[in-house]
Amino acid sequence: MKTPKTFLYFALSTIFAVSIVSCSSDEEGDETNGGNVSNSLHLKFKTPDWERTINCEHLDLMPMNPAEGVYAVSATSASTNETFYFSYPQDSSAMNQISNYKKYAIVSYGDNDEPFQFSQKLPDNQGSTDRLISLADNSTTYYNEVEKIEYVGHEAEYSIFKVKCKYNMRTYLLSNEATVKEVSGTFHFKIRTTRN
């Protein structure tokens, strides 16, 4: 049963408030390997007007449960005011499988309810109060692609993985929905699943 959006937004914003200060803008150390996603924990975005790489090495993401069998994580960058939602399988046994290495849907901001979906909201340009909001799409052009999943350890209740993805999405401008802009980037997050 899908959790109501309003509850999901409230719960995520409450739980991830502690994560907001953990993601800072830092474009250093974002080396990639032959065009692949960086080994550093990060979120990178590029719009027609600006781009940033957000250092997420100290981001401690705790999962929420927006749909049956699905976990989701979210955080807001204090330096850029970018907010993301990323969803993935709740069960650790469903994580590190070769069949997961493919393209998945970009969804409307906060509507993540299936594994490996991505959505985000970010300023139109640096310092802007207007926002670009992700548009739902799942095509060869607009997608979230899982590049690598790595098991890195466990805690009492959770298995811990690192996930690398690259994405390309269309976004609309909140103040004028007819204005559509492409946003692309990569991310590498440390996430928690249920431990088996």
C-alpha atoms as a PDB file:
ATOM      1  CA  MET A   1       0.000   0.000   0.000  1.00  0.00           C
ATOM      2  CA  LYS A   2       1.444   3.341  -1.036  1.00  0.00           C
ATOM      3  CA  THR A   3       2.099   5.857   1.710  1.00  0.00           C
ATOM      4  CA  PRO A   4       0.228   9.153   1.153  1.00  0.00           C
ATOM      5  CA  LYS A   5       2.496  11.801  -0.362  1.00  0.00           C
ATOM      6  CA  THR A   6       1.831  14.336   2.349  1.00  0.00           C
ATOM      7  CA  PHE A   7       2.896  11.901   5.037  1.00  0.00           C
ATOM      8  CA  LEU A   8       5.984  10.883   3.059  1.00  0.00           C
ATOM      9  CA  TYR A   9       7.037  14.512   2.567  1.00  0.00           C
ATOM     10  CA  PHE A  10       6.537  15.311   6.237  1.00  0.00           C
ATOM     11  CA  ALA A  11       8.333  12.201   7.471  1.00  0.00           C
ATOM     12  CA  LEU A  12      11.258  12.604   5.104  1.00  0.00           C
ATOM     13  CA  SER A  13      11.699  16.292   5.813  1.00  0.00           C
ATOM     14  CA  THR A  14      11.619  15.598   9.546  1.00  0.00           C
ATOM     15  CA  ILE A  15      14.030  12.683   9.510  1.00  0.00           C
ATOM     16  CA  PHE A  16      16.459  14.156   7.026  1.00  0.00           C
ATOM     17  CA  ALA A  17      16.696  17.573   8.625  1.00  0.00           C
ATOM     18  CA  VAL A  18      19.901  16.341  10.278  1.00  0.00           C
ATOM     19  CA  SER A  19      21.308  15.532   6.831  1.00  0.00           C
ATOM     20  CA  ILE A  20      20.903  19.028   5.433  1.00  0.00           C
ATOM     21  CA  VAL A  21      24.137  20.358   6.884  1.00  0.00           C
ATOM     22  CA  SER A  22      26.052  17.230   5.878  1.00  0.00           C
ATOM     23  CA  CYS A  23      25.982  17.871   2.138  1.00  0.00           C
ATOM     24  CA  SER A  24      28.224  20.755   1.162  1.00  0.00           C
ATOM     25  CA  SER A  25      29.238  22.107  -2.221  1.00  0.00           C
ATOM     26  CA  ASP A  26      32.741  20.923  -3.002  1.00  0.00           C
ATOM     27  CA  GLU A  27      33.895  20.489  -6.555  1.00  0.00           C
ATOM     28  CA  GLU A  28      37.306  19.157  -5.577  1.00  0.00           C
ATOM     29  CA  GLY A  29      38.053  15.450  -5.497  1.00  0.00           C
ATOM     30  CA  ASP A  30      35.381  14.563  -8.023  1.00  0.00           C
ATOM     31  CA  GLU A  31      37.622  12.479 -10.236  1.00  0.00           C
ATOM     32  CA  THR A  32      35.930  10.012 -12.549  1.00  0.00           C
ATOM     33  CA  ASN A  33      37.242   6.899 -14.218  1.00  0.00           C
ATOM     34  CA  GLY A  34      36.862   7.126 -17.992  1.00  0.00           C
ATOM     35  CA  GLY A  35      33.580   9.009 -17.822  1.00  0.00           C
ATOM     36  CA  ASN A  36      32.125   6.827 -15.070  1.00  0.00           C
ATOM     37  CA  VAL A  37      30.611   8.057 -11.824  1.00  0.00           C
ATOM     38  CA  SER A  38      33.082   9.449  -9.286  1.00  0.00           C
ATOM     39  CA  ASN A  39      34.297   7.223  -6.461  1.00  0.00           C
ATOM     40  CA  SER A  40      33.640   9.987  -3.931  1.00  0.00           C
ATOM     41  CA  LEU A  41      30.201  10.155  -2.289  1.00  0.00           C
ATOM     42  CA  HIS A  42      28.496  13.065  -4.032  1.00  0.00           C
ATOM     43  CA  LEU A  43      25.595  14.454  -6.005  1.00  0.00           C
ATOM     44  CA  LYS A  44      26.367  16.335  -9.190  1.00  0.00           C
ATOM     45  CA  PHE A  45      23.949  18.357 -11.310  1.00  0.00           C
ATOM     46  CA  LYS A  46      24.284  20.419 -14.466  1.00  0.00           C
ATOM     47  CA  THR A  47      21.541  22.723 -15.751  1.00  0.00           C
ATOM     48  CA  PRO A  48      21.698  25.118 -18.722  1.00  0.00           C
ATOM     49  CA  ASP A  49      22.554  27.896 -16.234  1.00  0.00           C
ATOM     50  CA  TRP A  50      24.790  26.400 -13.545  1.00  0.00           C
ATOM     51  CA  GLU A  51      26.362  23.229 -12.186  1.00  0.00           C
ATOM     52  CA  ARG A  52      27.675  21.947  -8.884  1.00  0.00           C
ATOM     53  CA  THR A  53      29.166  18.853  -7.305  1.00  0.00           C
ATOM     54  CA  ILE A  54      27.929  18.400  -3.749  1.00  0.00           C
ATOM     55  CA  ASN A  55      30.212  16.528  -1.360  1.00  0.00           C
ATOM     56  CA  CYS A  56      28.181  13.845   0.438  1.00  0.00           C
ATOM     57  CA  GLU A  57      30.993  11.979   2.219  1.00  0.00           C
ATOM     58  CA  HIS A  58      29.430  12.741   5.621  1.00  0.00           C
ATOM     59  CA  LEU A  59      25.781  12.378   4.589  1.00  0.00           C
ATOM     60  CA  ASP A  60      24.059   9.835   6.865  1.00  0.00           C
ATOM     61  CA  LEU A  61      20.893   8.721   5.085  1.00  0.00           C
ATOM     62  CA  MET A  62      18.225   6.788   6.987  1.00  0.00           C
ATOM     63  CA  PRO A  63      15.553   5.018   4.902  1.00  0.00           C
ATOM     64  CA  MET A  64      11.829   5.645   4.719  1.00  0.00           C
ATOM     65  CA  ASN A  65       9.268   3.198   3.330  1.00  0.00           C
ATOM     66  CA  PRO A  66       7.130   4.946   0.645  1.00  0.00           C
ATOM     67  CA  ALA A  67       5.775   1.708  -0.853  1.00  0.00           C
ATOM     68  CA  GLU A  68       5.758  -1.995  -0.088  1.00  0.00           C
ATOM     69  CA  GLY A  69       9.232  -3.456  -0.615  1.00  0.00           C
ATOM     70  CA  VAL A  70      10.767  -0.053  -1.337  1.00  0.00           C
ATOM     71  CA  TYR A  71      13.013   2.232   0.707  1.00  0.00           C
ATOM     72  CA  ALA A  72      13.710   5.866  -0.156  1.00  0.00           C
ATOM     73  CA  VAL A  73      16.219   8.437   1.050  1.00  0.00           C
ATOM     74  CA  SER A  74      16.270  12.208   0.738  1.00  0.00           C
ATOM     75  CA  ALA A  75      18.330  15.199   1.779  1.00  0.00           C
ATOM     76  CA  THR A  76      18.735  18.888   1.012  1.00  0.00           C
ATOM     77  CA  SER A  77      22.065  20.564   0.326  1.00  0.00           C
ATOM     78  CA  ALA A  78      22.587  23.604   2.539  1.00  0.00           C
ATOM     79  CA  SER A  79      24.973  25.168   0.022  1.00  0.00           C
ATOM     80  CA  THR A  80      22.835  24.796  -3.124  1.00  0.00           C
ATOM     81  CA  ASN A  81      19.253  24.190  -1.862  1.00  0.00           C
ATOM     82  CA  GLU A  82      19.025  21.103  -4.074  1.00  0.00           C
ATOM     83  CA  THR A  83      16.790  18.307  -2.705  1.00  0.00           C
ATOM     84  CA  PHE A  84      16.770  14.723  -3.993  1.00  0.00           C
ATOM     85  CA  TYR A  85      14.734  11.566  -3.513  1.00  0.00           C
ATOM     86  CA  PHE A  86      16.247   8.183  -4.397  1.00  0.00           C
ATOM     87  CA  SER A  87      14.414   4.881  -3.986  1.00  0.00           C
ATOM     88  CA  TYR A  88      15.730   1.309  -4.003  1.00  0.00           C
ATOM     89  CA  PRO A  89      14.791  -2.231  -2.882  1.00  0.00           C
ATOM     90  CA  GLN A  90      14.095  -2.567   0.832  1.00  0.00           C
ATOM     91  CA  ASP A  91      15.513  -6.101   0.967  1.00  0.00           C
ATOM     92  CA  SER A  92      19.302  -6.420   0.877  1.00  0.00           C
ATOM     93  CA  SER A  93      19.067  -9.635  -1.160  1.00  0.00           C
ATOM     94  CA  ALA A  94      17.544  -7.663  -4.052  1.00  0.00           C
ATOM     95  CA  MET A  95      20.307  -5.063  -4.169  1.00  0.00           C
ATOM     96  CA  ASN A  96      23.558  -6.372  -5.593  1.00  0.00           C
ATOM     97  CA  GLN A  97      22.343  -8.122  -8.741  1.00  0.00           C
ATOM     98  CA  ILE A  98      23.646  -7.677 -12.262  1.00  0.00           C
ATOM     99  CA  SER A  99      20.047  -7.334 -13.495  1.00  0.00           C
ATOM    100  CA  ASN A 100      19.820  -4.042 -11.544  1.00  0.00           C
ATOM    101  CA  TYR A 101      22.429  -2.415 -13.769  1.00  0.00           C
ATOM    102  CA  LYS A 102      20.109  -0.651 -16.206  1.00  0.00           C
ATOM    103  CA  LYS A 103      17.997   2.471 -16.732  1.00  0.00           C
ATOM    104  CA  TYR A 104      15.060   3.362 -14.485  1.00  0.00           C
ATOM    105  CA  ALA A 105      12.427   6.072 -14.357  1.00  0.00           C
ATOM    106  CA  ILE A 106      12.811   9.688 -13.454  1.00  0.00           C
ATOM    107  CA  VAL A 107       9.698  10.534 -11.449  1.00  0.00           C
ATOM    108  CA  SER A 108       7.888  13.682 -10.383  1.00  0.00           C
ATOM    109  CA  TYR A 109       9.495  15.268  -7.354  1.00  0.00           C
ATOM    110  CA  GLY A 110       8.917  13.059  -4.292  1.00  0.00           C
ATOM    111  CA  ASP A 111       6.801  10.443  -6.117  1.00  0.00           C
ATOM    112  CA  ASN A 112       9.404   7.670  -5.779  1.00  0.00           C
ATOM    113  CA  ASP A 113       7.600   4.365  -5.182  1.00  0.00           C
ATOM    114  CA  GLU A 114       9.657   1.790  -7.120  1.00  0.00           C
ATOM    115  CA  PRO A 115      13.315   0.736  -6.911  1.00  0.00           C
ATOM    116  CA  PHE A 116      16.051   2.962  -8.364  1.00  0.00           C
ATOM    117  CA  GLN A 117      13.842   5.912  -9.246  1.00  0.00           C
ATOM    118  CA  PHE A 118      15.277   9.415  -8.884  1.00  0.00           C
ATOM    119  CA  SER A 119      13.678  12.837  -8.512  1.00  0.00           C
ATOM    120  CA  GLN A 120      14.899  16.259  -7.459  1.00  0.00           C
ATOM    121  CA  LYS A 121      14.153  19.938  -6.969  1.00  0.00           C
ATOM    122  CA  LEU A 122      16.823  22.602  -7.346  1.00  0.00           C
ATOM    123  CA  PRO A 123      17.193  26.364  -7.878  1.00  0.00           C
ATOM    124  CA  ASP A 124      16.921  27.627 -11.445  1.00  0.00           C
ATOM    125  CA  ASN A 125      20.339  29.228 -10.946  1.00  0.00           C
ATOM    126  CA  GLN A 126      22.623  30.046  -8.047  1.00  0.00           C
ATOM    127  CA  GLY A 127      20.742  32.020  -5.396  1.00  0.00           C
ATOM    128  CA  SER A 128      17.405  31.834  -7.217  1.00  0.00           C
ATOM    129  CA  THR A 129      14.190  31.333  -5.261  1.00  0.00           C
ATOM    130  CA  ASP A 130      12.559  29.768  -8.329  1.00  0.00           C
ATOM    131  CA  ARG A 131      12.852  25.992  -8.614  1.00  0.00           C
ATOM    132  CA  LEU A 132      13.327  23.379 -11.311  1.00  0.00           C
ATOM    133  CA  ILE A 133      11.135  20.319 -10.605  1.00  0.00           C
ATOM    134  CA  SER A 134      11.739  16.883 -12.125  1.00  0.00           C
ATOM    135  CA  LEU A 135       9.260  15.659 -14.740  1.00  0.00           C
ATOM    136  CA  ALA A 136       8.250  11.988 -14.824  1.00  0.00           C
ATOM    137  CA  ASP A 137       9.876  10.112 -17.708  1.00  0.00           C
ATOM    138  CA  ASN A 138      11.341   6.716 -18.497  1.00  0.00           C
ATOM    139  CA  SER A 139      12.933   6.655 -21.920  1.00  0.00           C
ATOM    140  CA  THR A 140      16.262   6.211 -23.627  1.00  0.00           C
ATOM    141  CA  THR A 141      16.814   9.970 -23.258  1.00  0.00           C
ATOM    142  CA  TYR A 142      15.559  10.655 -19.719  1.00  0.00           C
ATOM    143  CA  TYR A 143      16.431   8.115 -17.054  1.00  0.00           C
ATOM    144  CA  ASN A 144      18.310   7.197 -13.903  1.00  0.00           C
ATOM    145  CA  GLU A 145      20.918   4.539 -14.696  1.00  0.00           C
ATOM    146  CA  VAL A 146      22.452   2.297 -12.060  1.00  0.00           C
ATOM    147  CA  GLU A 147      26.153   1.917 -12.797  1.00  0.00           C
ATOM    148  CA  LYS A 148      27.453   0.118  -9.697  1.00  0.00           C
ATOM    149  CA  ILE A 149      26.178  -1.334  -6.409  1.00  0.00           C
ATOM    150  CA  GLU A 150      28.644  -2.354  -3.721  1.00  0.00           C
ATOM    151  CA  TYR A 151      28.028  -4.027  -0.366  1.00  0.00           C
ATOM    152  CA  VAL A 152      30.193  -2.262   2.235  1.00  0.00           C
ATOM    153  CA  GLY A 153      29.082  -3.677   5.608  1.00  0.00           C
ATOM    154  CA  HIS A 154      26.256  -3.846   8.096  1.00  0.00           C
ATOM    155  CA  GLU A 155      24.803  -2.474  11.306  1.00  0.00           C
ATOM    156  CA  ALA A 156      22.517  -4.175  13.810  1.00  0.00           C
ATOM    157  CA  GLU A 157      19.390  -3.671  11.687  1.00  0.00           C
ATOM    158  CA  TYR A 158      20.717  -2.690   8.263  1.00  0.00           C
ATOM    159  CA  SER A 159      22.974  -3.833   5.461  1.00  0.00           C
ATOM    160  CA  ILE A 160      24.944  -0.964   3.946  1.00  0.00           C
ATOM    161  CA  PHE A 161      25.539  -0.441   0.237  1.00  0.00           C
ATOM    162  CA  LYS A 162      27.085   2.208  -1.968  1.00  0.00           C
ATOM    163  CA  VAL A 163      25.193   2.962  -5.186  1.00  0.00           C
ATOM    164  CA  LYS A 164      26.516   4.848  -8.232  1.00  0.00           C
ATOM    165  CA  CYS A 165      24.067   6.298 -10.756  1.00  0.00           C
ATOM    166  CA  LYS A 166      23.999   8.746 -13.630  1.00  0.00           C
ATOM    167  CA  TYR A 167      20.875  10.551 -14.742  1.00  0.00           C
ATOM    168  CA  ASN A 168      19.349  12.816 -17.343  1.00  0.00           C
ATOM    169  CA  MET A 169      15.991  14.465 -16.708  1.00  0.00           C
ATOM    170  CA  ARG A 170      13.621  17.126 -17.885  1.00  0.00           C
ATOM    171  CA  THR A 171      12.495  19.681 -15.322  1.00  0.00           C
ATOM    172  CA  TYR A 172       9.883  22.416 -15.347  1.00  0.00           C
ATOM    173  CA  LEU A 173      10.238  25.855 -13.830  1.00  0.00           C
ATOM    174  CA  LEU A 174       7.930  26.208 -10.835  1.00  0.00           C
ATOM    175  CA  SER A 175       6.959  29.797 -11.709  1.00  0.00           C
ATOM    176  CA  ASN A 176       6.244  28.887 -15.354  1.00  0.00           C
ATOM    177  CA  GLU A 177       5.530  25.220 -16.070  1.00  0.00           C
ATOM    178  CA  ALA A 178       5.851  25.799 -19.813  1.00  0.00           C
ATOM    179  CA  THR A 179       9.587  26.415 -19.323  1.00  0.00           C
ATOM    180  CA  VAL A 180      11.349  23.057 -19.525  1.00  0.00           C
ATOM    181  CA  LYS A 181      15.072  22.568 -18.927  1.00  0.00           C
ATOM    182  CA  GLU A 182      17.291  19.490 -19.005  1.00  0.00           C
ATOM    183  CA  VAL A 183      19.313  18.570 -15.938  1.00  0.00           C
ATOM    184  CA  SER A 184      21.977  15.863 -15.962  1.00  0.00           C
ATOM    185  CA  GLY A 185      24.432  14.520 -13.447  1.00  0.00           C
ATOM    186  CA  THR A 186      25.649  11.680 -11.283  1.00  0.00           C
ATOM    187  CA  PHE A 187      25.423  10.563  -7.687  1.00  0.00           C
ATOM    188  CA  HIS A 188      27.147   8.114  -5.374  1.00  0.00           C
ATOM    189  CA  PHE A 189      25.289   7.484  -2.097  1.00  0.00           C
ATOM    190  CA  LYS A 190      25.733   5.231   0.907  1.00  0.00           C
ATOM    191  CA  ILE A 191      22.344   3.690   1.750  1.00  0.00           C
ATOM    192  CA  ARG A 192      20.801   1.193   4.175  1.00  0.00           C
ATOM    193  CA  THR A 193      18.591  -1.824   3.445  1.00  0.00           C
ATOM    194  CA  THR A 194      16.996  -4.411   5.714  1.00  0.00           C
ATOM    195  CA  ARG A 195      19.533  -6.946   6.868  1.00  0.00           C
ATOM    196  CA  ASN A 196      19.015 -10.642   6.066  1.00  0.00           C
END
